[in-house]
Structure formats: C-alpha cells, structure tokens
Amino acid sequence: MISGKTRICGLIGDPVEHSMSPAMHNAAFKDRGIDYVYLPFKVAKEQLDRAILGVRALNIRGLNVTIPHKVAVMPLLDELDPLSERIGAVNTIVNSDGILKGYNTDAHGFLKAMMERGIEPEGKNVVVLGAGGASRAISFILAEKGANLVILNRQLEIDWAVELASNISRAFGRKVKALELGEQNLAKVLKKGDILVNATSVGMSPNTGETPVPARLLKGNLIVFDIVYNPVKTRLLAEAEAAGASTISGLEMLVWQGTLAFEMWTGLKAPLEVMKEAVVKALKDEN
C-alpha cells in the first residue's frame, strides 16, 4: 500500500525496461514488511544531472545506477566510498538527509557469487571482456584478490581498456594487459586462462543469439562467468557447458549486489532467497 510515508528507491539507466531489479527489491520490501517501493527511471545521458537534482528534490532514498551512468554520475554526488572512488564507477546511491553518497556493490556482488562456488581468484589467470562500469568493478576486485588479469575490449573502445589496465597496474603494482577483443587475441589468452568473465552486454535479451566468444575457443577446464542475467543461460554459458566448462550466471551477481544495496537503504538484513526467487519468476514471466 502506497502512503504518504512510503520511501522510494529506484534504478536510473538507459535502457531500464529489461531490468529485474524492481521485481527483486519490491519482493524484498514486502517480505520485510517495510513501507518502501522500487521504481525504474529511464534517464538519457543528457538528463543525468537533472535526474540527480530530482533525487534531492523528491527525497528519493536510494538508487541503483546502470548503463550508461555508472561513471558519469560520480561528480554529481556529494561523497564516494573508498571502493567506488578507487574503481571509478558507482552503481548504488544512498540519500541521507540530502547527502548523496555513491557506492559500488557490483564488485562485492561479483566476488560473493564466485566465493559461493568455492572459487578463489588468487593466482588465477582471468580474462575480462569489456571495460565499462561493471568491468571496472570486477577487474579491481579481482586484482585486489590476487588474480592475473587480461582485459579485452572492442576496437572502438580499446582506449577504455588501456586506461583501466593502467589504473589497476598502478593501484596494485601488477602488470595488467589490455588487448583488442578479437578472435586471435581471445584464442591466445584463453589458452592459459582459468576464468573468463563477460562484462559486456553481448548476449543480453533481445539479442540472445549473440556471443562474445566463439564456441571453438571454449574448453573444459575453464570457469565462465557471464554477468548478463537475461536470459539466465546465455548462448555463451550454454556453449561453455557443452564444452565441459563450469559456469556462473549473472543472476548470482545481480542478487548479491542487490542484497548489499537493500541493506544500505533499509538497515535490514536482505532476504537473499526471496530476491532470487522473484528474479527467476520475473524472467520466466517475461520469456
């Protein structure tokens, strides 16, 4: 029941129509019996500054931030937590009496999903595809945990990968390579790769027939983590399974990062299983 006391949380991005976060968070609010509601807000790049002014004016309690705003939103906030500042990307905002503070729950959400499977990044050779906001979070947390990284990005955006690799190299004193995302480079790095992370949107609904990695390059001793969660089993994950690889769906990361945001906004323990079930149901209903 919406009332004059209802607190508003939401998602800003473009697009947002595909997001499962409203189903996930509203189920969690209901389960915990609190007067909160979560709404998606489609915000174009050129409207981001006005949207953040609206958060202040409307006293919105908190936001998730998705493509393309995770980096651009940072200078519009009052404070950044050390991790998000180090990563250079924000995916969660908390409004405390008009003070907007940015956080990054993607990093720990990704790490939680891996640790739940008993996968330790330390010493592993990890190939990360993409150099956007999600890749920044994933790459930094992997480097912090002692992984050896190679970051591949599309030719038109290779400068992002070079910058990200350089930042991580300086921050952790370890060499991180940046390469163009192409079949030749993929074949080379996957020969020694232990973990492959797709941190791009390739394969996301409605473009479910796409994959960033040709099936012939996948192998049985590889762990493949695709952060795309719609569909739950992307073409990349299906072909990885067929090759004998272990796989992790983006659904796991989505739910873990969502629990962290929920707890920041409400101060309550997040109902992990309720949130996961809500996402699975919403995905089934959509498809």
C-alpha atoms as a PDB file:
ATOM      1  CA  MET A   1       0.000   0.000   0.000  1.00  0.00           C
ATOM      2  CA  ILE A   2       1.477   3.321  -1.109  1.00  0.00           C
ATOM      3  CA  SER A   3       1.126   6.041   1.520  1.00  0.00           C
ATOM      4  CA  GLY A   4       2.491   9.464   2.402  1.00  0.00           C
ATOM      5  CA  LYS A   5       5.238   7.691   4.342  1.00  0.00           C
ATOM      6  CA  THR A   6       6.366   5.404   1.516  1.00  0.00           C
ATOM      7  CA  ARG A   7      10.087   5.675   0.818  1.00  0.00           C
ATOM      8  CA  ILE A   8      11.182   5.497  -2.817  1.00  0.00           C
ATOM      9  CA  CYS A   9      14.156   3.659  -4.243  1.00  0.00           C
ATOM     10  CA  GLY A  10      14.810   3.028  -7.898  1.00  0.00           C
ATOM     11  CA  LEU A  11      17.008   2.449 -10.899  1.00  0.00           C
ATOM     12  CA  ILE A  12      18.397   5.002 -13.344  1.00  0.00           C
ATOM     13  CA  GLY A  13      19.771   3.968 -16.707  1.00  0.00           C
ATOM     14  CA  ASP A  14      19.004   3.739 -20.397  1.00  0.00           C
ATOM     15  CA  PRO A  15      17.544   1.278 -21.131  1.00  0.00           C
ATOM     16  CA  VAL A  16      15.811   0.063 -17.958  1.00  0.00           C
ATOM     17  CA  GLU A  17      12.883  -1.843 -19.444  1.00  0.00           C
ATOM     18  CA  HIS A  18      14.743  -5.166 -19.213  1.00  0.00           C
ATOM     19  CA  SER A  19      15.691  -4.793 -15.543  1.00  0.00           C
ATOM     20  CA  MET A  20      14.658  -7.359 -12.954  1.00  0.00           C
ATOM     21  CA  SER A  21      15.642  -5.078 -10.063  1.00  0.00           C
ATOM     22  CA  PRO A  22      12.069  -3.777  -9.475  1.00  0.00           C
ATOM     23  CA  ALA A  23      10.745  -7.329  -9.052  1.00  0.00           C
ATOM     24  CA  MET A  24      13.681  -8.262  -6.817  1.00  0.00           C
ATOM     25  CA  HIS A  25      13.592  -5.266  -4.492  1.00  0.00           C
ATOM     26  CA  ASN A  26       9.825  -4.938  -4.216  1.00  0.00           C
ATOM     27  CA  ALA A  27       9.656  -8.615  -3.219  1.00  0.00           C
ATOM     28  CA  ALA A  28      12.303  -7.944  -0.570  1.00  0.00           C
ATOM     29  CA  PHE A  29      10.458  -4.889   0.777  1.00  0.00           C
ATOM     30  CA  LYS A  30       7.252  -6.910   1.009  1.00  0.00           C
ATOM     31  CA  ASP A  31       8.999  -9.810   2.719  1.00  0.00           C
ATOM     32  CA  ARG A  32      10.473  -7.495   5.347  1.00  0.00           C
ATOM     33  CA  GLY A  33       7.164  -5.653   5.787  1.00  0.00           C
ATOM     34  CA  ILE A  34       8.576  -2.173   5.213  1.00  0.00           C
ATOM     35  CA  ASP A  35       6.962   0.823   3.522  1.00  0.00           C
ATOM     36  CA  TYR A  36       9.300   1.105   0.536  1.00  0.00           C
ATOM     37  CA  VAL A  37       8.754   0.927  -3.219  1.00  0.00           C
ATOM     38  CA  TYR A  38      11.270   0.476  -6.058  1.00  0.00           C
ATOM     39  CA  LEU A  39      10.742   2.053  -9.490  1.00  0.00           C
ATOM     40  CA  PRO A  40      12.683   2.094 -12.784  1.00  0.00           C
ATOM     41  CA  PHE A  41      13.546   5.507 -14.268  1.00  0.00           C
ATOM     42  CA  LYS A  42      14.748   5.754 -17.865  1.00  0.00           C
ATOM     43  CA  VAL A  43      17.267   8.590 -17.890  1.00  0.00           C
ATOM     44  CA  ALA A  44      19.060   9.687 -21.051  1.00  0.00           C
ATOM     45  CA  LYS A  45      22.723  10.744 -20.837  1.00  0.00           C
ATOM     46  CA  GLU A  46      21.916  14.417 -21.302  1.00  0.00           C
ATOM     47  CA  GLN A  47      19.323  14.314 -18.483  1.00  0.00           C
ATOM     48  CA  LEU A  48      21.521  12.715 -15.811  1.00  0.00           C
ATOM     49  CA  ASP A  49      22.321  15.935 -13.939  1.00  0.00           C
ATOM     50  CA  ARG A  50      18.618  16.831 -13.797  1.00  0.00           C
ATOM     51  CA  ALA A  51      17.747  13.348 -12.586  1.00  0.00           C
ATOM     52  CA  ILE A  52      20.186  13.675  -9.680  1.00  0.00           C
ATOM     53  CA  LEU A  53      18.681  17.064  -8.808  1.00  0.00           C
ATOM     54  CA  GLY A  54      15.321  15.284  -8.799  1.00  0.00           C
ATOM     55  CA  VAL A  55      16.624  12.696  -6.328  1.00  0.00           C
ATOM     56  CA  ARG A  56      17.423  15.522  -3.924  1.00  0.00           C
ATOM     57  CA  ALA A  57      14.191  17.447  -4.544  1.00  0.00           C
ATOM     58  CA  LEU A  58      11.939  14.385  -4.213  1.00  0.00           C
ATOM     59  CA  ASN A  59      13.883  12.908  -1.272  1.00  0.00           C
ATOM     60  CA  ILE A  60      14.345   9.577  -3.025  1.00  0.00           C
ATOM     61  CA  ARG A  61      16.035   7.268  -0.521  1.00  0.00           C
ATOM     62  CA  GLY A  62      18.331   5.402  -2.883  1.00  0.00           C
ATOM     63  CA  LEU A  63      19.144   4.409  -6.434  1.00  0.00           C
ATOM     64  CA  ASN A  64      20.831   1.713  -8.405  1.00  0.00           C
ATOM     65  CA  VAL A  65      22.801   3.049 -11.370  1.00  0.00           C
ATOM     66  CA  THR A  66      23.211   1.117 -14.605  1.00  0.00           C
ATOM     67  CA  ILE A  67      24.444   1.686 -18.170  1.00  0.00           C
ATOM     68  CA  PRO A  68      25.414   4.365 -19.240  1.00  0.00           C
ATOM     69  CA  HIS A  69      25.660   6.344 -15.975  1.00  0.00           C
ATOM     70  CA  LYS A  70      27.985   4.422 -13.633  1.00  0.00           C
ATOM     71  CA  VAL A  71      30.958   6.696 -14.316  1.00  0.00           C
ATOM     72  CA  ALA A  72      29.217   9.927 -15.316  1.00  0.00           C
ATOM     73  CA  VAL A  73      27.184  10.087 -12.096  1.00  0.00           C
ATOM     74  CA  MET A  74      30.247  10.292  -9.832  1.00  0.00           C
ATOM     75  CA  PRO A  75      30.945  14.064  -9.980  1.00  0.00           C
ATOM     76  CA  LEU A  76      27.248  14.761  -9.316  1.00  0.00           C
ATOM     77  CA  LEU A  77      27.362  13.142  -5.869  1.00  0.00           C
ATOM     78  CA  ASP A  78      28.412  14.622  -2.524  1.00  0.00           C
ATOM     79  CA  GLU A  79      30.515  11.704  -1.324  1.00  0.00           C
ATOM     80  CA  LEU A  80      32.046   8.461  -2.607  1.00  0.00           C
ATOM     81  CA  ASP A  81      33.002   5.430  -0.567  1.00  0.00           C
ATOM     82  CA  PRO A  82      36.698   4.483  -0.955  1.00  0.00           C
ATOM     83  CA  LEU A  83      35.990   1.399  -3.099  1.00  0.00           C
ATOM     84  CA  SER A  84      33.803   3.198  -5.658  1.00  0.00           C
ATOM     85  CA  GLU A  85      36.310   6.067  -5.836  1.00  0.00           C
ATOM     86  CA  ARG A  86      39.135   3.618  -6.450  1.00  0.00           C
ATOM     87  CA  ILE A  87      37.149   1.685  -9.050  1.00  0.00           C
ATOM     88  CA  GLY A  88      35.910   4.816 -10.794  1.00  0.00           C
ATOM     89  CA  ALA A  89      32.291   3.649 -11.050  1.00  0.00           C
ATOM     90  CA  VAL A  90      29.166   3.842  -8.895  1.00  0.00           C
ATOM     91  CA  ASN A  91      26.172   1.524  -9.062  1.00  0.00           C
ATOM     92  CA  THR A  92      24.393   2.389  -5.800  1.00  0.00           C
ATOM     93  CA  ILE A  93      23.455   5.744  -4.270  1.00  0.00           C
ATOM     94  CA  VAL A  94      22.208   6.361  -0.734  1.00  0.00           C
ATOM     95  CA  ASN A  95      20.432   9.627   0.131  1.00  0.00           C
ATOM     96  CA  SER A  96      20.945  10.505   3.803  1.00  0.00           C
ATOM     97  CA  ASP A  97      19.112  13.763   4.569  1.00  0.00           C
ATOM     98  CA  GLY A  98      20.042  15.261   1.230  1.00  0.00           C
ATOM     99  CA  ILE A  99      23.633  13.997   1.171  1.00  0.00           C
ATOM    100  CA  LEU A 100      24.117  11.653  -1.777  1.00  0.00           C
ATOM    101  CA  LYS A 101      26.843   9.041  -1.345  1.00  0.00           C
ATOM    102  CA  GLY A 102      27.955   6.650  -4.060  1.00  0.00           C
ATOM    103  CA  TYR A 103      28.930   3.028  -3.552  1.00  0.00           C
ATOM    104  CA  ASN A 104      29.878   0.095  -5.741  1.00  0.00           C
ATOM    105  CA  THR A 105      28.120  -3.150  -4.852  1.00  0.00           C
ATOM    106  CA  ASP A 106      28.974  -4.742  -8.213  1.00  0.00           C
ATOM    107  CA  ALA A 107      32.481  -5.591  -7.013  1.00  0.00           C
ATOM    108  CA  HIS A 108      31.463  -7.457  -3.882  1.00  0.00           C
ATOM    109  CA  GLY A 109      28.371  -8.896  -5.583  1.00  0.00           C
ATOM    110  CA  PHE A 110      30.617 -10.451  -8.217  1.00  0.00           C
ATOM    111  CA  LEU A 111      33.070 -11.714  -5.610  1.00  0.00           C
ATOM    112  CA  LYS A 112      30.284 -13.184  -3.440  1.00  0.00           C
ATOM    113  CA  ALA A 113      28.929 -15.109  -6.439  1.00  0.00           C
ATOM    114  CA  MET A 114      32.370 -16.608  -7.061  1.00  0.00           C
ATOM    115  CA  MET A 115      33.106 -17.409  -3.424  1.00  0.00           C
ATOM    116  CA  GLU A 116      29.741 -19.162  -3.089  1.00  0.00           C
ATOM    117  CA  ARG A 117      31.026 -21.595  -5.726  1.00  0.00           C
ATOM    118  CA  GLY A 118      34.272 -22.068  -3.828  1.00  0.00           C
ATOM    119  CA  ILE A 119      36.313 -20.183  -6.455  1.00  0.00           C
ATOM    120  CA  GLU A 120      39.296 -18.235  -5.137  1.00  0.00           C
ATOM    121  CA  PRO A 121      40.668 -15.633  -7.581  1.00  0.00           C
ATOM    122  CA  GLU A 122      44.188 -15.544  -6.114  1.00  0.00           C
ATOM    123  CA  GLY A 123      46.765 -16.708  -8.639  1.00  0.00           C
ATOM    124  CA  LYS A 124      44.168 -17.392 -11.345  1.00  0.00           C
ATOM    125  CA  ASN A 125      44.569 -16.159 -14.930  1.00  0.00           C
ATOM    126  CA  VAL A 126      41.391 -14.183 -15.615  1.00  0.00           C
ATOM    127  CA  VAL A 127      40.216 -12.874 -18.983  1.00  0.00           C
ATOM    128  CA  VAL A 128      37.755  -9.973 -18.646  1.00  0.00           C
ATOM    129  CA  LEU A 129      35.705  -8.862 -21.651  1.00  0.00           C
ATOM    130  CA  GLY A 130      34.658  -5.219 -21.642  1.00  0.00           C
ATOM    131  CA  ALA A 131      35.942  -2.069 -19.928  1.00  0.00           C
ATOM    132  CA  GLY A 132      32.765  -0.282 -18.838  1.00  0.00           C
ATOM    133  CA  GLY A 133      31.444   0.343 -15.340  1.00  0.00           C
ATOM    134  CA  ALA A 134      30.813  -3.312 -14.479  1.00  0.00           C
ATOM    135  CA  SER A 135      34.219  -4.352 -15.802  1.00  0.00           C
ATOM    136  CA  ARG A 136      35.915  -1.684 -13.700  1.00  0.00           C
ATOM    137  CA  ALA A 137      34.348  -3.085 -10.535  1.00  0.00           C
ATOM    138  CA  ILE A 138      35.066  -6.704 -11.445  1.00  0.00           C
ATOM    139  CA  SER A 139      38.641  -6.050 -12.566  1.00  0.00           C
ATOM    140  CA  PHE A 140      39.549  -4.064  -9.454  1.00  0.00           C
ATOM    141  CA  ILE A 141      38.160  -6.638  -7.028  1.00  0.00           C
ATOM    142  CA  LEU A 142      39.877  -9.473  -8.910  1.00  0.00           C
ATOM    143  CA  ALA A 143      43.203  -7.639  -8.864  1.00  0.00           C
ATOM    144  CA  GLU A 144      42.764  -6.873  -5.172  1.00  0.00           C
ATOM    145  CA  LYS A 145      42.280 -10.590  -4.547  1.00  0.00           C
ATOM    146  CA  GLY A 146      45.456 -11.503  -6.405  1.00  0.00           C
ATOM    147  CA  ALA A 147      44.244 -12.565  -9.853  1.00  0.00           C
ATOM    148  CA  ASN A 148      46.303 -12.099 -13.029  1.00  0.00           C
ATOM    149  CA  LEU A 149      44.232 -10.055 -15.467  1.00  0.00           C
ATOM    150  CA  VAL A 150      43.922  -9.503 -19.186  1.00  0.00           C
ATOM    151  CA  ILE A 151      41.217  -7.038 -20.288  1.00  0.00           C
ATOM    152  CA  LEU A 152      39.825  -7.206 -23.830  1.00  0.00           C
ATOM    153  CA  ASN A 153      37.588  -4.569 -25.356  1.00  0.00           C
ATOM    154  CA  ARG A 154      36.166  -3.755 -28.760  1.00  0.00           C
ATOM    155  CA  GLN A 155      38.399  -1.828 -31.177  1.00  0.00           C
ATOM    156  CA  LEU A 156      36.347   1.382 -30.977  1.00  0.00           C
ATOM    157  CA  GLU A 157      36.650   1.393 -27.160  1.00  0.00           C
ATOM    158  CA  ILE A 158      40.148  -0.023 -26.724  1.00  0.00           C
ATOM    159  CA  ASP A 159      41.288   3.215 -25.029  1.00  0.00           C
ATOM    160  CA  TRP A 160      38.941   2.406 -22.122  1.00  0.00           C
ATOM    161  CA  ALA A 161      40.654  -0.953 -21.649  1.00  0.00           C
ATOM    162  CA  VAL A 162      44.123   0.622 -21.809  1.00  0.00           C
ATOM    163  CA  GLU A 163      43.133   3.211 -19.202  1.00  0.00           C
ATOM    164  CA  LEU A 164      41.567   0.580 -16.932  1.00  0.00           C
ATOM    165  CA  ALA A 165      44.576  -1.728 -17.207  1.00  0.00           C
ATOM    166  CA  SER A 166      46.912   1.178 -16.451  1.00  0.00           C
ATOM    167  CA  ASN A 167      44.883   2.233 -13.388  1.00  0.00           C
ATOM    168  CA  ILE A 168      44.860  -1.291 -11.975  1.00  0.00           C
ATOM    169  CA  SER A 169      48.570  -1.737 -12.667  1.00  0.00           C
ATOM    170  CA  ARG A 170      49.338   1.431 -10.693  1.00  0.00           C
ATOM    171  CA  ALA A 171      46.927   0.613  -7.876  1.00  0.00           C
ATOM    172  CA  PHE A 172      48.174  -2.920  -7.228  1.00  0.00           C
ATOM    173  CA  GLY A 173      51.704  -2.914  -8.616  1.00  0.00           C
ATOM    174  CA  ARG A 174      50.985  -5.772 -11.032  1.00  0.00           C
ATOM    175  CA  LYS A 175      51.042  -5.795 -14.820  1.00  0.00           C
ATOM    176  CA  VAL A 176      47.593  -5.877 -16.429  1.00  0.00           C
ATOM    177  CA  LYS A 177      47.328  -6.268 -20.203  1.00  0.00           C
ATOM    178  CA  ALA A 178      44.780  -4.550 -22.448  1.00  0.00           C
ATOM    179  CA  LEU A 179      44.024  -6.071 -25.849  1.00  0.00           C
ATOM    180  CA  GLU A 180      41.541  -5.631 -28.651  1.00  0.00           C
ATOM    181  CA  LEU A 181      38.611  -8.030 -28.403  1.00  0.00           C
ATOM    182  CA  GLY A 182      39.018 -10.277 -31.416  1.00  0.00           C
ATOM    183  CA  GLU A 183      39.263 -13.968 -32.177  1.00  0.00           C
ATOM    184  CA  GLN A 184      43.052 -14.039 -32.458  1.00  0.00           C
ATOM    185  CA  ASN A 185      43.613 -12.364 -29.100  1.00  0.00           C
ATOM    186  CA  LEU A 186      40.894 -14.441 -27.464  1.00  0.00           C
ATOM    187  CA  ALA A 187      42.468 -17.668 -28.667  1.00  0.00           C
ATOM    188  CA  LYS A 188      45.843 -16.583 -27.312  1.00  0.00           C
ATOM    189  CA  VAL A 189      44.727 -15.531 -23.808  1.00  0.00           C
ATOM    190  CA  LEU A 190      42.222 -18.358 -23.292  1.00  0.00           C
ATOM    191  CA  LYS A 191      44.946 -20.971 -23.780  1.00  0.00           C
ATOM    192  CA  LYS A 192      46.324 -20.008 -20.367  1.00  0.00           C
ATOM    193  CA  GLY A 193      43.040 -18.724 -18.952  1.00  0.00           C
ATOM    194  CA  ASP A 194      41.439 -20.163 -15.819  1.00  0.00           C
ATOM    195  CA  ILE A 195      38.424 -17.832 -15.644  1.00  0.00           C
ATOM    196  CA  LEU A 196      36.566 -15.956 -18.384  1.00  0.00           C
ATOM    197  CA  VAL A 197      34.286 -13.068 -17.410  1.00  0.00           C
ATOM    198  CA  ASN A 198      31.896 -11.497 -19.894  1.00  0.00           C
ATOM    199  CA  ALA A 199      31.379  -7.982 -18.525  1.00  0.00           C
ATOM    200  CA  THR A 200      29.754  -6.733 -21.734  1.00  0.00           C
ATOM    201  CA  SER A 201      26.069  -6.724 -22.682  1.00  0.00           C
ATOM    202  CA  VAL A 202      26.624  -9.098 -25.625  1.00  0.00           C
ATOM    203  CA  GLY A 203      24.028 -11.870 -25.495  1.00  0.00           C
ATOM    204  CA  MET A 204      21.512  -9.910 -23.436  1.00  0.00           C
ATOM    205  CA  SER A 205      17.822 -10.107 -24.366  1.00  0.00           C
ATOM    206  CA  PRO A 206      16.580  -9.496 -27.025  1.00  0.00           C
ATOM    207  CA  ASN A 207      19.908 -10.276 -28.744  1.00  0.00           C
ATOM    208  CA  THR A 208      20.133 -13.749 -27.264  1.00  0.00           C
ATOM    209  CA  GLY A 209      21.734 -15.284 -30.354  1.00  0.00           C
ATOM    210  CA  GLU A 210      24.924 -13.267 -29.888  1.00  0.00           C
ATOM    211  CA  THR A 211      28.061 -14.328 -28.018  1.00  0.00           C
ATOM    212  CA  PRO A 212      31.379 -12.548 -27.422  1.00  0.00           C
ATOM    213  CA  VAL A 213      33.417 -15.783 -27.691  1.00  0.00           C
ATOM    214  CA  PRO A 214      33.307 -18.380 -30.486  1.00  0.00           C
ATOM    215  CA  ALA A 215      32.364 -21.798 -29.106  1.00  0.00           C
ATOM    216  CA  ARG A 216      35.503 -23.440 -30.511  1.00  0.00           C
ATOM    217  CA  LEU A 217      37.676 -21.354 -28.158  1.00  0.00           C
ATOM    218  CA  LEU A 218      35.949 -22.614 -25.002  1.00  0.00           C
ATOM    219  CA  LYS A 219      37.443 -25.510 -23.043  1.00  0.00           C
ATOM    220  CA  GLY A 220      36.569 -27.904 -20.266  1.00  0.00           C
ATOM    221  CA  ASN A 221      38.937 -26.600 -17.589  1.00  0.00           C
ATOM    222  CA  LEU A 222      37.591 -23.034 -17.844  1.00  0.00           C
ATOM    223  CA  ILE A 223      35.245 -21.222 -15.458  1.00  0.00           C
ATOM    224  CA  VAL A 224      32.910 -18.927 -17.408  1.00  0.00           C
ATOM    225  CA  PHE A 225      31.070 -16.119 -15.595  1.00  0.00           C
ATOM    226  CA  ASP A 226      28.609 -14.146 -17.743  1.00  0.00           C
ATOM    227  CA  ILE A 227      27.260 -11.075 -15.943  1.00  0.00           C
ATOM    228  CA  VAL A 228      24.283 -10.968 -18.343  1.00  0.00           C
ATOM    229  CA  TYR A 229      21.260 -12.354 -16.445  1.00  0.00           C
ATOM    230  CA  ASN A 230      18.514 -12.059 -19.048  1.00  0.00           C
ATOM    231  CA  PRO A 231      18.452 -14.783 -20.254  1.00  0.00           C
ATOM    232  CA  VAL A 232      19.767 -16.704 -17.247  1.00  0.00           C
ATOM    233  CA  LYS A 233      21.572 -19.097 -19.589  1.00  0.00           C
ATOM    234  CA  THR A 234      23.122 -17.027 -22.354  1.00  0.00           C
ATOM    235  CA  ARG A 235      24.496 -18.519 -25.540  1.00  0.00           C
ATOM    236  CA  LEU A 236      27.990 -18.110 -24.061  1.00  0.00           C
ATOM    237  CA  LEU A 237      27.046 -20.124 -20.963  1.00  0.00           C
ATOM    238  CA  ALA A 238      25.239 -22.807 -22.988  1.00  0.00           C
ATOM    239  CA  GLU A 239      28.240 -23.283 -25.279  1.00  0.00           C
ATOM    240  CA  ALA A 240      30.617 -23.231 -22.317  1.00  0.00           C
ATOM    241  CA  GLU A 241      28.624 -26.004 -20.635  1.00  0.00           C
ATOM    242  CA  ALA A 242      28.697 -28.005 -23.870  1.00  0.00           C
ATOM    243  CA  ALA A 243      32.496 -27.677 -23.859  1.00  0.00           C
ATOM    244  CA  GLY A 244      32.619 -29.026 -20.301  1.00  0.00           C
ATOM    245  CA  ALA A 245      33.350 -25.692 -18.615  1.00  0.00           C
ATOM    246  CA  SER A 246      31.940 -24.621 -15.249  1.00  0.00           C
ATOM    247  CA  THR A 247      29.537 -21.678 -15.497  1.00  0.00           C
ATOM    248  CA  ILE A 248      28.115 -18.899 -13.318  1.00  0.00           C
ATOM    249  CA  SER A 249      25.097 -16.852 -14.385  1.00  0.00           C
ATOM    250  CA  GLY A 250      24.784 -13.096 -13.993  1.00  0.00           C
ATOM    251  CA  LEU A 251      21.711 -13.823 -11.883  1.00  0.00           C
ATOM    252  CA  GLU A 252      24.034 -14.663  -8.985  1.00  0.00           C
ATOM    253  CA  MET A 253      25.857 -11.342  -9.193  1.00  0.00           C
ATOM    254  CA  LEU A 254      22.595  -9.427  -9.619  1.00  0.00           C
ATOM    255  CA  VAL A 255      21.105 -10.861  -6.445  1.00  0.00           C
ATOM    256  CA  TRP A 256      24.242 -10.486  -4.327  1.00  0.00           C
ATOM    257  CA  GLN A 257      24.796  -6.855  -5.330  1.00  0.00           C
ATOM    258  CA  GLY A 258      21.081  -6.265  -4.782  1.00  0.00           C
ATOM    259  CA  THR A 259      21.237  -7.570  -1.215  1.00  0.00           C
ATOM    260  CA  LEU A 260      24.060  -5.157  -0.423  1.00  0.00           C
ATOM    261  CA  ALA A 261      22.103  -2.183  -1.822  1.00  0.00           C
ATOM    262  CA  PHE A 262      18.957  -3.262   0.056  1.00  0.00           C
ATOM    263  CA  GLU A 263      20.845  -3.319   3.338  1.00  0.00           C
ATOM    264  CA  MET A 264      22.349   0.135   2.699  1.00  0.00           C
ATOM    265  CA  TRP A 265      18.928   1.663   2.035  1.00  0.00           C
ATOM    266  CA  THR A 266      16.962  -0.049   4.798  1.00  0.00           C
ATOM    267  CA  GLY A 267      19.414  -1.072   7.522  1.00  0.00           C
ATOM    268  CA  LEU A 268      17.801  -4.530   7.488  1.00  0.00           C
ATOM    269  CA  LYS A 269      19.154  -7.943   6.545  1.00  0.00           C
ATOM    270  CA  ALA A 270      18.255  -8.720   2.936  1.00  0.00           C
ATOM    271  CA  PRO A 271      16.158 -11.835   2.167  1.00  0.00           C
ATOM    272  CA  LEU A 272      18.527 -13.424  -0.350  1.00  0.00           C
ATOM    273  CA  GLU A 273      16.371 -16.385  -1.383  1.00  0.00           C
ATOM    274  CA  VAL A 274      13.229 -14.238  -1.719  1.00  0.00           C
ATOM    275  CA  MET A 275      15.109 -11.867  -4.016  1.00  0.00           C
ATOM    276  CA  LYS A 276      16.475 -14.691  -6.142  1.00  0.00           C
ATOM    277  CA  GLU A 277      13.061 -16.344  -6.477  1.00  0.00           C
ATOM    278  CA  ALA A 278      11.499 -13.031  -7.509  1.00  0.00           C
ATOM    279  CA  VAL A 279      14.041 -12.563 -10.307  1.00  0.00           C
ATOM    280  CA  VAL A 280      13.635 -16.131 -11.570  1.00  0.00           C
ATOM    281  CA  LYS A 281       9.831 -15.727 -11.625  1.00  0.00           C
ATOM    282  CA  ALA A 282      10.012 -12.363 -13.401  1.00  0.00           C
ATOM    283  CA  LEU A 283      12.341 -13.789 -16.041  1.00  0.00           C
ATOM    284  CA  LYS A 284      10.016 -16.746 -16.637  1.00  0.00           C
ATOM    285  CA  ASP A 285       7.012 -14.442 -16.923  1.00  0.00           C
ATOM    286  CA  GLU A 286       8.824 -12.217 -19.404  1.00  0.00           C
ATOM    287  CA  ASN A 287      10.002 -15.096 -21.584  1.00  0.00           C
END
